[in-house]
Amino acid sequence: MQRKEAGEYARVRPGIVAAIIGLAALAAAGAPVGGQAAAARVRPGAPQVRSTPASEATRVPAAFKTQSITWTTPRSGWVLGTVPCRASTCTAVVGTADGTHWALLGRLSAPIAHSGERGVTEIRMATQKAGWVFGPGLLGTADGGRSWRAEAIPGSGRQVLDIAATAKAAYAIVSSCVVGRPCQRNLSVWRTGRQRPAWQRVPISLPPNTGATVAIGGSTVYLVDPQPYPTPDAFYASVGGGPFAKRPVPCPKRHDGSLVDVAPVTSTRVALVCVIGPGFGSAEKTVFRSADTGRTDRSAGQTPIPGITSEIAATRSGTLAVASSASRGSFVYLNTGGTRWTTPLPKPNDGGALWNDLVFDTSRVGWVVYGPVNFSDLGVVYRTADGGRSWHTFGFAGHS
């Protein structure tokens, strides 16, 4: 994950490269593809199985540190992080199948990747069996995270910058640039699904970038590729499986504004966040709501200015949350309607520890990673149970 200050304000993507897994492992397990749509980017809805407290062998170590978190339903969650391992640390995945008890599921051979390095930084699960860790490495699971194996990136790509999935389809934004090297090649977009398990190239390309976002809400898929001034940002939507079409960007590029993230709520409703005029640890962050897949929008006001690197999450009840970080500190801002914003989770003067995977799995329960392992190595998870009004640290070891 890179620190984003003035002139660098794309949504956080740890290592800023995320890789996607081929569907071979999923097909072999008889599992459909799916995953997180605005952390994303999870859309609950799969049947559940009960879990029991973990045995000593699978108990989550107290020293577990978090990098990334994903949910497929309010009861089924997975976390990518690190655990003590001999003289160093090992990459591991913990999970829950009942929303209460957490267990150490498996370990990975790939390290957590720092910026410009190889390894993995993100986790997204499609179902209780099938999912991915990526960014820029590429591993997949077909047994719920207990074992992982390397997979090929679509189109012989070198990196996948983001992934979003549902039980019906998965989308990936792929870069052909070698990790850690400057490159000015367009990004490609790929799709896979239950009916066509092989990755298929989507007939659209995005401008060169080291970070871009794909998000899914119902039957609508969004692509966001922020660009430096004066290049216009790329913002596209595909509705109901149709072709990707341009959407207007509400961020004023003349004021160094960029669309950095979107949070789909339904097939038509989506929230957008613009970062405008970044500098000195602060930026204007204007948020918009759209009820027609981004064709039109209305302002949801501005968050307080501290913070630059930002991401957004939304609930079906209309609550919006923005996690933002920069040298002045890291903050979670909340909007429960209208244009007024509050700051329920302030971390002032932390030097910009950064956030990752801000997500709500219900209208009341939400999660966010504070200080991901690959940036500031805090690896702390905060949880809310009241729609974002209050946040408390969550220890997976205490819930084994």
Protein backbone atom coordinates (compact mmCIF):
# COMPACT_ATOMS: atom_id res chain seq x y z
CA MET A 1 0.00 0.00 0.00
CA GLN A 2 1.37 3.39 -0.90
CA ARG A 3 0.96 6.62 0.94
CA LYS A 4 -1.10 8.98 -1.24
CA GLU A 5 -0.43 12.63 -0.73
CA ALA A 6 -0.76 15.60 -3.04
CA GLY A 7 -1.21 14.42 -6.58
CA GLU A 8 -1.63 10.78 -5.51
CA TYR A 9 -5.10 9.98 -4.30
CA ALA A 10 -6.45 6.86 -5.93
CA ARG A 11 -8.33 4.54 -3.62
CA VAL A 12 -6.03 2.45 -1.47
CA ARG A 13 -5.06 -0.86 -3.00
CA PRO A 14 -2.33 -2.40 -0.85
CA GLY A 15 0.75 -2.86 -3.00
CA ILE A 16 -1.61 -1.22 -5.46
CA VAL A 17 -1.77 -4.35 -7.44
CA ALA A 18 -4.33 -7.04 -7.01
CA ALA A 19 -4.37 -10.29 -8.88
CA ILE A 20 -7.31 -12.46 -9.85
CA ILE A 21 -7.63 -16.18 -9.80
CA GLY A 22 -8.67 -18.33 -12.75
CA LEU A 23 -11.84 -20.30 -12.32
CA ALA A 24 -10.27 -23.73 -12.75
CA ALA A 25 -10.07 -24.33 -9.01
CA LEU A 26 -13.64 -23.13 -8.57
CA ALA A 27 -15.00 -25.34 -11.32
CA ALA A 28 -13.11 -28.29 -9.89
CA ALA A 29 -14.85 -27.68 -6.57
CA GLY A 30 -18.23 -27.22 -8.21
CA ALA A 31 -18.45 -23.74 -6.71
CA PRO A 32 -19.72 -20.54 -8.37
CA VAL A 33 -17.63 -17.40 -8.46
CA GLY A 34 -18.51 -14.45 -6.25
CA GLY A 35 -17.10 -12.08 -3.62
CA GLN A 36 -16.93 -8.56 -2.17
CA ALA A 37 -18.32 -5.58 -3.99
CA ALA A 38 -17.29 -2.21 -2.33
CA ALA A 39 -14.68 -3.76 -0.21
CA ALA A 40 -16.26 -4.99 -2.03
CA ARG A 41 -17.81 -5.62 -2.37
CA VAL A 42 -19.88 -8.34 -0.74
CA ARG A 43 -23.52 -8.93 -1.38
CA PRO A 44 -24.95 -11.32 1.25
CA GLY A 45 -27.11 -14.24 0.26
CA ALA A 46 -25.56 -17.73 0.41
CA PRO A 47 -26.70 -20.58 2.70
CA GLN A 48 -24.74 -21.04 5.90
CA VAL A 49 -23.26 -23.85 7.95
CA ARG A 50 -22.73 -23.78 11.69
CA SER A 51 -19.27 -23.51 13.17
CA THR A 52 -17.93 -24.53 16.55
CA PRO A 53 -15.17 -23.05 18.71
CA ALA A 54 -11.73 -23.69 17.24
CA SER A 55 -9.41 -26.41 18.49
CA GLU A 56 -5.95 -25.48 19.72
CA ALA A 57 -4.52 -26.26 16.28
CA THR A 58 -6.87 -23.82 14.56
CA ARG A 59 -7.18 -21.18 17.25
CA VAL A 60 -6.36 -17.67 16.00
CA PRO A 61 -3.03 -16.56 17.54
CA ALA A 62 -3.21 -13.47 19.75
CA ALA A 63 -0.47 -11.89 17.59
CA PHE A 64 -2.52 -12.18 14.36
CA LYS A 65 -2.34 -8.93 12.35
CA THR A 66 -4.84 -8.03 9.66
CA GLN A 67 -4.26 -6.96 6.08
CA SER A 68 -7.62 -7.49 4.34
CA ILE A 69 -11.16 -8.64 5.16
CA THR A 70 -14.03 -9.97 3.05
CA TRP A 71 -17.59 -11.19 3.62
CA THR A 72 -20.00 -13.18 1.47
CA THR A 73 -22.85 -13.01 4.02
CA PRO A 74 -23.22 -11.50 7.49
CA ARG A 75 -22.17 -14.89 8.91
CA SER A 76 -19.37 -15.89 6.54
CA GLY A 77 -16.15 -13.88 6.69
CA TRP A 78 -12.44 -14.31 5.95
CA VAL A 79 -9.40 -12.29 6.94
CA LEU A 80 -5.94 -12.20 5.39
CA GLY A 81 -3.07 -11.37 7.70
CA THR A 82 0.08 -12.57 9.40
CA VAL A 83 0.90 -14.85 12.32
CA PRO A 84 4.20 -15.47 14.13
CA CYS A 85 6.24 -18.08 12.29
CA ARG A 86 9.68 -19.15 13.55
CA ALA A 87 11.88 -16.05 13.48
CA SER A 88 9.55 -14.10 11.23
CA THR A 89 5.87 -14.10 10.23
CA CYS A 90 3.75 -16.23 7.92
CA THR A 91 0.79 -15.22 5.79
CA ALA A 92 -2.43 -16.79 7.04
CA VAL A 93 -6.20 -16.75 6.56
CA VAL A 94 -8.73 -16.89 9.39
CA GLY A 95 -12.46 -17.26 8.95
CA THR A 96 -15.90 -17.67 10.47
CA ALA A 97 -18.97 -19.56 9.27
CA ASP A 98 -21.36 -18.32 11.95
CA GLY A 99 -20.21 -14.72 12.47
CA THR A 100 -19.11 -15.53 16.02
CA HIS A 101 -16.35 -18.12 16.18
CA TRP A 102 -13.13 -17.51 14.24
CA ALA A 103 -10.52 -20.11 13.33
CA LEU A 104 -7.13 -20.23 11.66
CA LEU A 105 -7.98 -21.83 8.32
CA GLY A 106 -4.72 -22.06 6.40
CA ARG A 107 -1.32 -20.58 5.65
CA LEU A 108 0.08 -19.32 2.36
CA SER A 109 3.52 -19.53 0.83
CA ALA A 110 3.22 -15.94 -0.49
CA PRO A 111 4.23 -13.02 1.77
CA ILE A 112 2.18 -9.91 2.38
CA ALA A 113 3.46 -7.60 -0.36
CA HIS A 114 4.76 -4.13 0.30
CA SER A 115 4.61 -1.52 -2.45
CA GLY A 116 6.51 -2.63 -5.53
CA GLU A 117 7.13 -6.12 -4.16
CA ARG A 118 5.74 -9.55 -4.91
CA GLY A 119 3.24 -11.27 -2.67
CA VAL A 120 -0.44 -10.75 -1.82
CA THR A 121 -2.43 -7.99 -0.17
CA GLU A 122 -6.15 -8.67 -0.64
CA ILE A 123 -8.67 -11.46 -0.06
CA ARG A 124 -12.05 -11.89 -1.73
CA MET A 125 -14.28 -14.92 -1.32
CA ALA A 126 -16.99 -15.91 -3.76
CA THR A 127 -18.70 -18.61 -1.75
CA GLN A 128 -17.92 -20.57 1.39
CA LYS A 129 -15.53 -22.66 -0.71
CA ALA A 130 -14.15 -20.54 -3.55
CA GLY A 131 -12.06 -17.38 -3.36
CA TRP A 132 -8.82 -15.57 -3.98
CA VAL A 133 -5.85 -13.83 -2.43
CA PHE A 134 -4.04 -11.47 -4.75
CA GLY A 135 -2.17 -8.26 -5.31
CA PRO A 136 0.23 -8.76 -7.04
CA GLY A 137 0.56 -12.50 -6.46
CA LEU A 138 -2.21 -14.86 -7.42
CA LEU A 139 -3.55 -17.76 -5.39
CA GLY A 140 -6.93 -19.43 -5.24
CA THR A 141 -8.82 -21.69 -2.88
CA ALA A 142 -11.56 -24.23 -3.53
CA ASP A 143 -11.91 -25.44 0.08
CA GLY A 144 -12.87 -22.31 1.99
CA GLY A 145 -9.37 -20.97 2.57
CA ARG A 146 -7.70 -24.05 4.00
CA SER A 147 -5.38 -24.51 1.03
CA TRP A 148 -4.24 -22.18 -1.74
CA ARG A 149 -2.53 -22.67 -5.08
CA ALA A 150 -1.05 -20.36 -7.69
CA GLU A 151 -3.22 -19.43 -10.68
CA ALA A 152 -2.54 -17.67 -13.97
CA ILE A 153 -3.56 -14.04 -14.38
CA PRO A 154 -5.98 -13.53 -17.29
CA GLY A 155 -4.42 -12.58 -20.61
CA SER A 156 -0.89 -13.38 -19.44
CA GLY A 157 -1.05 -10.26 -17.32
CA ARG A 158 1.50 -9.36 -14.66
CA GLN A 159 -0.83 -7.80 -12.09
CA VAL A 160 -4.51 -7.55 -11.34
CA LEU A 161 -5.34 -4.21 -9.83
CA ASP A 162 -8.73 -5.14 -8.45
CA ILE A 163 -11.36 -7.85 -8.33
CA ALA A 164 -15.08 -7.84 -7.60
CA ALA A 165 -17.36 -10.84 -7.70
CA THR A 166 -20.80 -12.21 -6.99
CA ALA A 167 -22.13 -15.74 -7.10
CA LYS A 168 -22.83 -15.21 -10.80
CA ALA A 169 -19.69 -13.57 -12.16
CA ALA A 170 -16.29 -12.11 -11.33
CA TYR A 171 -14.56 -9.13 -12.94
CA ALA A 172 -10.87 -8.26 -12.89
CA ILE A 173 -8.82 -5.24 -13.91
CA VAL A 174 -5.48 -6.49 -15.21
CA SER A 175 -2.18 -4.75 -15.86
CA SER A 176 0.50 -6.14 -18.15
CA CYS A 177 3.18 -4.08 -16.37
CA VAL A 178 5.88 -5.81 -14.35
CA VAL A 179 5.54 -5.23 -10.62
CA GLY A 180 7.61 -2.30 -9.42
CA ARG A 181 8.52 -0.95 -12.85
CA PRO A 182 7.18 2.21 -14.54
CA CYS A 183 4.80 1.37 -17.36
CA GLN A 184 2.30 3.20 -19.56
CA ARG A 185 0.12 0.41 -20.92
CA ASN A 186 -3.65 0.41 -20.93
CA LEU A 187 -5.45 -1.81 -18.45
CA SER A 188 -7.66 -4.69 -19.54
CA VAL A 189 -10.90 -5.96 -18.01
CA TRP A 190 -11.87 -9.62 -17.73
CA ARG A 191 -14.98 -11.55 -16.80
CA THR A 192 -15.71 -15.11 -15.76
CA GLY A 193 -18.87 -16.85 -14.59
CA ARG A 194 -20.52 -20.15 -13.86
CA GLN A 195 -21.60 -20.70 -17.47
CA ARG A 196 -18.25 -19.73 -18.99
CA PRO A 197 -15.52 -20.58 -16.45
CA ALA A 198 -12.63 -19.46 -18.65
CA TRP A 199 -11.70 -15.79 -18.39
CA GLN A 200 -13.14 -13.74 -21.22
CA ARG A 201 -11.80 -10.34 -22.29
CA VAL A 202 -14.36 -7.56 -21.86
CA PRO A 203 -14.38 -5.18 -24.86
CA ILE A 204 -13.12 -2.14 -22.97
CA SER A 205 -9.71 -0.81 -21.95
CA LEU A 206 -8.82 1.70 -19.26
CA PRO A 207 -6.08 4.35 -19.24
CA PRO A 208 -2.70 3.38 -17.75
CA ASN A 209 -2.60 3.42 -13.97
CA THR A 210 -1.15 1.62 -10.97
CA GLY A 211 -4.58 1.38 -9.32
CA ALA A 212 -8.18 1.07 -10.49
CA THR A 213 -11.44 -0.18 -8.98
CA VAL A 214 -14.15 -2.60 -10.05
CA ALA A 215 -17.32 -2.86 -7.94
CA ILE A 216 -20.55 -4.80 -8.29
CA GLY A 217 -24.01 -3.92 -7.01
CA GLY A 218 -26.75 -6.38 -7.97
CA SER A 219 -26.65 -6.64 -11.76
CA THR A 220 -24.55 -3.50 -12.27
CA VAL A 221 -20.76 -3.41 -12.55
CA TYR A 222 -18.71 -0.21 -12.17
CA LEU A 223 -15.18 0.60 -13.32
CA VAL A 224 -13.27 3.55 -11.84
CA ASP A 225 -9.83 4.63 -13.04
CA PRO A 226 -8.78 8.02 -11.59
CA GLN A 227 -6.31 10.03 -13.63
CA PRO A 228 -3.92 12.88 -12.78
CA TYR A 229 -4.76 16.42 -13.84
CA PRO A 230 -5.71 17.28 -16.54
CA THR A 231 -6.66 13.81 -17.87
CA PRO A 232 -10.36 12.98 -17.32
CA ASP A 233 -11.14 10.11 -14.98
CA ALA A 234 -12.56 6.91 -16.47
CA PHE A 235 -15.95 5.93 -15.01
CA TYR A 236 -18.04 3.19 -16.63
CA ALA A 237 -21.08 1.11 -15.76
CA SER A 238 -22.45 -2.12 -17.19
CA VAL A 239 -26.14 -2.65 -16.40
CA GLY A 240 -27.70 -6.09 -16.52
CA GLY A 241 -24.77 -7.64 -18.36
CA GLY A 242 -24.81 -5.03 -21.11
CA PRO A 243 -21.79 -3.20 -22.54
CA PHE A 244 -19.87 -0.76 -20.39
CA ALA A 245 -21.00 2.82 -20.94
CA LYS A 246 -19.40 6.05 -19.78
CA ARG A 247 -20.82 7.82 -16.77
CA PRO A 248 -20.31 11.50 -15.95
CA VAL A 249 -17.69 12.23 -13.30
CA PRO A 250 -18.93 14.82 -10.77
CA CYS A 251 -15.42 15.69 -9.55
CA PRO A 252 -14.02 19.02 -10.87
CA LYS A 253 -10.77 18.14 -12.63
CA ARG A 254 -9.92 21.84 -12.96
CA HIS A 255 -9.55 21.85 -9.16
CA ASP A 256 -7.44 18.66 -9.22
CA GLY A 257 -10.44 16.52 -8.33
CA SER A 258 -10.71 12.79 -8.97
CA LEU A 259 -13.33 10.11 -8.51
CA VAL A 260 -11.51 7.64 -6.26
CA ASP A 261 -14.13 5.08 -5.22
CA VAL A 262 -17.74 3.97 -5.54
CA ALA A 263 -19.99 1.94 -3.24
CA PRO A 264 -22.84 0.09 -4.98
CA VAL A 265 -25.92 -0.45 -2.83
CA THR A 266 -28.37 -2.07 -5.26
CA SER A 267 -28.56 -2.57 -9.03
CA THR A 268 -29.40 1.15 -9.39
CA ARG A 269 -28.17 2.92 -6.25
CA VAL A 270 -24.51 3.83 -5.86
CA ALA A 271 -22.44 6.28 -3.79
CA LEU A 272 -19.38 8.10 -5.13
CA VAL A 273 -16.53 9.95 -3.41
CA CYS A 274 -14.35 12.65 -4.98
CA VAL A 275 -11.02 13.82 -3.58
CA ILE A 276 -10.37 17.42 -4.58
CA GLY A 277 -7.27 19.61 -4.23
CA PRO A 278 -5.15 17.30 -2.05
CA GLY A 279 -2.23 18.72 -0.09
CA PHE A 280 -0.70 19.04 3.39
CA GLY A 281 -2.52 16.01 4.76
CA SER A 282 -5.97 17.20 3.75
CA ALA A 283 -8.35 17.35 0.82
CA GLU A 284 -11.92 18.26 0.07
CA LYS A 285 -13.91 15.04 -0.08
CA THR A 286 -17.30 15.48 -1.74
CA VAL A 287 -19.72 12.57 -1.73
CA PHE A 288 -22.59 11.93 -4.12
CA ARG A 289 -25.59 9.61 -4.25
CA SER A 290 -27.03 8.26 -7.47
CA ALA A 291 -30.28 6.35 -7.95
CA ASP A 292 -29.73 5.54 -11.65
CA THR A 293 -26.33 3.77 -11.85
CA GLY A 294 -24.39 7.03 -11.94
CA ARG A 295 -26.21 8.68 -14.84
CA THR A 296 -27.21 11.50 -12.51
CA ASP A 297 -26.26 12.27 -8.93
CA ARG A 298 -26.98 14.56 -6.00
CA SER A 299 -24.61 15.83 -3.36
CA ALA A 300 -24.36 14.11 0.01
CA GLY A 301 -22.14 16.91 1.29
CA GLN A 302 -18.49 17.11 2.19
CA THR A 303 -16.60 15.24 4.88
CA PRO A 304 -14.18 17.13 7.16
CA ILE A 305 -10.98 17.90 5.25
CA PRO A 306 -8.31 15.82 7.08
CA GLY A 307 -7.32 12.83 4.99
CA ILE A 308 -6.52 12.21 1.33
CA THR A 309 -6.41 8.50 0.53
CA SER A 310 -10.08 7.55 0.75
CA GLU A 311 -12.60 4.78 0.24
CA ILE A 312 -16.37 4.63 0.68
CA ALA A 313 -18.94 2.13 1.93
CA ALA A 314 -22.73 2.26 2.04
CA THR A 315 -25.67 0.42 3.58
CA ARG A 316 -29.07 -0.32 2.11
CA SER A 317 -30.62 1.98 4.71
CA GLY A 318 -28.73 4.94 3.24
CA THR A 319 -25.81 5.32 5.65
CA LEU A 320 -22.52 6.32 4.04
CA ALA A 321 -19.04 5.98 5.52
CA VAL A 322 -15.74 7.32 4.20
CA ALA A 323 -12.37 6.17 5.54
CA SER A 324 -9.62 8.69 4.82
CA SER A 325 -5.97 8.96 5.79
CA ALA A 326 -2.97 11.24 5.31
CA SER A 327 -0.16 12.77 7.35
CA ARG A 328 -2.61 14.60 9.63
CA GLY A 329 -4.20 11.33 10.71
CA SER A 330 -6.71 8.66 9.77
CA PHE A 331 -10.46 9.15 10.13
CA VAL A 332 -13.74 7.40 9.48
CA TYR A 333 -16.52 9.84 8.59
CA LEU A 334 -20.24 9.04 8.73
CA ASN A 335 -23.37 10.34 6.99
CA THR A 336 -26.80 9.01 7.99
CA GLY A 337 -28.75 11.12 5.53
CA GLY A 338 -28.73 14.61 4.07
CA THR A 339 -25.37 16.36 3.85
CA ARG A 340 -24.09 16.34 7.45
CA TRP A 341 -20.98 14.32 8.32
CA THR A 342 -19.62 13.28 11.69
CA THR A 343 -16.32 11.66 12.75
CA PRO A 344 -17.06 8.56 14.85
CA LEU A 345 -13.57 7.06 14.49
CA PRO A 346 -10.73 9.62 14.65
CA LYS A 347 -7.05 8.67 14.68
CA PRO A 348 -5.36 12.08 14.61
CA ASN A 349 -1.63 12.55 14.24
CA ASP A 350 -0.89 8.94 13.33
CA GLY A 351 1.17 10.01 10.33
CA GLY A 352 -1.25 8.38 7.92
CA ALA A 353 -1.51 4.74 9.02
CA LEU A 354 -4.14 4.15 6.31
CA TRP A 355 -7.33 2.09 6.17
CA ASN A 356 -8.34 -0.88 4.07
CA ASP A 357 -11.55 -2.76 3.23
CA LEU A 358 -14.17 -0.49 4.78
CA VAL A 359 -17.34 -2.56 4.38
CA PHE A 360 -20.80 -3.06 5.87
CA ASP A 361 -22.13 -6.60 5.90
CA THR A 362 -25.52 -5.46 7.25
CA SER A 363 -27.12 -2.05 7.79
CA ARG A 364 -25.72 -2.06 11.33
CA VAL A 365 -22.53 -4.12 11.26
CA GLY A 366 -19.42 -2.83 9.54
CA TRP A 367 -15.67 -3.48 9.50
CA VAL A 368 -12.48 -1.67 8.59
CA VAL A 369 -8.76 -2.51 8.76
CA TYR A 370 -6.63 0.14 10.44
CA GLY A 371 -2.94 0.24 9.59
CA PRO A 372 -2.73 -2.74 7.19
CA VAL A 373 0.29 -5.00 7.63
CA ASN A 374 1.92 -4.01 4.37
CA PHE A 375 1.92 -0.30 5.17
CA SER A 376 2.13 0.53 8.88
CA ASP A 377 2.02 -3.03 10.28
CA LEU A 378 -0.62 -2.25 12.91
CA GLY A 379 -3.09 -4.76 11.50
CA VAL A 380 -5.99 -3.73 13.75
CA VAL A 381 -9.66 -4.34 12.90
CA TYR A 382 -12.45 -2.03 14.02
CA ARG A 383 -16.08 -3.16 14.09
CA THR A 384 -19.34 -1.25 14.41
CA ALA A 385 -22.65 -2.76 15.48
CA ASP A 386 -24.73 0.41 15.31
CA GLY A 387 -24.45 1.52 11.71
CA GLY A 388 -21.10 3.28 12.10
CA ARG A 389 -21.98 5.54 15.02
CA SER A 390 -19.39 3.88 17.26
CA TRP A 391 -16.40 1.63 16.49
CA HIS A 392 -14.44 -0.77 18.70
CA THR A 393 -11.36 -2.90 18.17
CA PHE A 394 -12.10 -6.52 17.37
CA GLY A 395 -9.75 -9.35 18.33
CA PHE A 396 -10.16 -12.55 16.35
CA ALA A 397 -8.17 -14.48 18.95
CA GLY A 398 -10.76 -13.58 21.58
CA HIS A 399 -13.49 -15.09 19.42
CA SER A 400 -11.83 -18.42 18.57
